Amino acid sequence: MFIFELFKFVVSSTSVFSSIHIGLGMRTAEECRKLAAAYRSKAGAAGVGPRTASVLKNIAKSLTGLAKQYDLLSAIEEEERRAN
């Protein structure tokens, strides 16, 4: 399930600049954070092997980083909008 969610996430996150303003399945920073939390939770679940847990934690870190980039992009866009 988590791999499928990641696949859907990656597919919906391609062509970022062409879909930011028209909403073609773009994830938000909050969605990235929620998905990261789900991956961290799965990594800590009983029965998850150490290698799998490590990969899940790394995915969670990447999603958290992406959320920060979305936040930064939003701030820059808002700043540019105010300047114009």
Protein backbone atom coordinates (compact mmCIF):
# COMPACT_ATOMS: atom_id res chain seq x y z
CA MET A 1 0.00 0.00 0.00
CA PHE A 2 2.70 2.49 0.92
CA ILE A 3 4.61 1.80 -2.29
CA PHE A 4 1.44 2.44 -4.29
CA GLU A 5 0.87 5.73 -2.43
CA LEU A 6 4.44 6.75 -3.16
CA PHE A 7 3.99 5.88 -6.84
CA LYS A 8 0.80 7.94 -7.02
CA PHE A 9 2.62 10.76 -5.24
CA VAL A 10 5.57 10.75 -7.62
CA VAL A 11 3.36 10.58 -10.70
CA SER A 12 1.17 13.43 -9.45
CA SER A 13 4.23 15.52 -8.58
CA THR A 14 5.77 15.51 -12.04
CA SER A 15 5.55 18.60 -14.21
CA VAL A 16 5.47 20.79 -11.13
CA PHE A 17 5.59 24.12 -12.86
CA SER A 18 2.95 23.25 -15.43
CA SER A 19 0.44 22.22 -12.79
CA ILE A 20 1.03 24.51 -9.81
CA HIS A 21 -1.65 26.97 -10.75
CA ILE A 22 -4.11 24.65 -12.44
CA GLY A 23 -4.25 21.95 -9.76
CA LEU A 24 -3.51 18.79 -11.71
CA GLY A 25 -3.14 16.51 -8.72
CA MET A 26 -0.39 18.49 -7.02
CA ARG A 27 0.34 17.55 -3.45
CA THR A 28 0.46 20.20 -0.79
CA ALA A 29 3.05 20.61 1.93
CA GLU A 30 0.49 19.32 4.42
CA GLU A 31 -0.19 16.23 2.31
CA CYS A 32 3.55 15.56 2.14
CA ARG A 33 3.79 15.83 5.92
CA LYS A 34 0.87 13.46 6.43
CA LEU A 35 2.32 10.93 4.02
CA ALA A 36 5.72 11.25 5.72
CA ALA A 37 4.07 10.56 9.08
CA ALA A 38 2.41 7.47 7.62
CA TYR A 39 5.75 6.19 6.34
CA ARG A 40 7.39 6.82 9.73
CA SER A 41 4.54 4.97 11.41
CA LYS A 42 4.87 2.02 9.05
CA ALA A 43 8.63 1.95 9.71
CA GLY A 44 7.96 1.55 13.43
CA ALA A 45 5.28 -1.12 13.06
CA ALA A 46 5.78 -4.58 14.47
CA GLY A 47 7.16 -7.08 12.00
CA VAL A 48 8.82 -4.53 9.71
CA GLY A 49 12.39 -5.58 9.02
CA PRO A 50 15.29 -3.22 9.68
CA ARG A 51 16.11 -2.69 5.98
CA THR A 52 12.49 -1.96 5.14
CA ALA A 53 12.22 0.36 8.13
CA SER A 54 15.33 2.21 7.01
CA VAL A 55 13.92 2.76 3.51
CA LEU A 56 10.56 3.87 4.89
CA LYS A 57 12.29 6.37 7.19
CA ASN A 58 14.34 7.70 4.28
CA ILE A 59 11.17 8.15 2.20
CA ALA A 60 9.61 10.02 5.14
CA LYS A 61 12.64 12.31 5.31
CA SER A 62 12.40 12.98 1.58
CA LEU A 63 8.71 13.80 1.83
CA THR A 64 9.39 16.15 4.73
CA GLY A 65 12.05 17.87 2.63
CA LEU A 66 9.59 18.16 -0.25
CA ALA A 67 7.03 19.73 2.10
CA LYS A 68 9.62 22.33 3.06
CA GLN A 69 10.29 23.04 -0.62
CA TYR A 70 6.56 23.50 -1.25
CA ASP A 71 6.41 25.92 1.68
CA LEU A 72 9.36 27.85 0.29
CA LEU A 73 7.82 27.94 -3.18
CA SER A 74 4.55 29.26 -1.75
CA ALA A 75 6.39 31.97 0.16
CA ILE A 76 8.34 33.02 -2.94
CA GLU A 77 5.21 33.08 -5.08
CA GLU A 78 3.39 35.19 -2.47
CA GLU A 79 6.34 37.59 -2.28
CA GLU A 80 6.45 37.91 -6.07
CA ARG A 81 2.69 38.41 -6.24
CA ARG A 82 2.91 41.27 -3.74
CA ALA A 83 5.79 42.85 -5.65
CA ASN A 84 3.79 42.98 -8.88
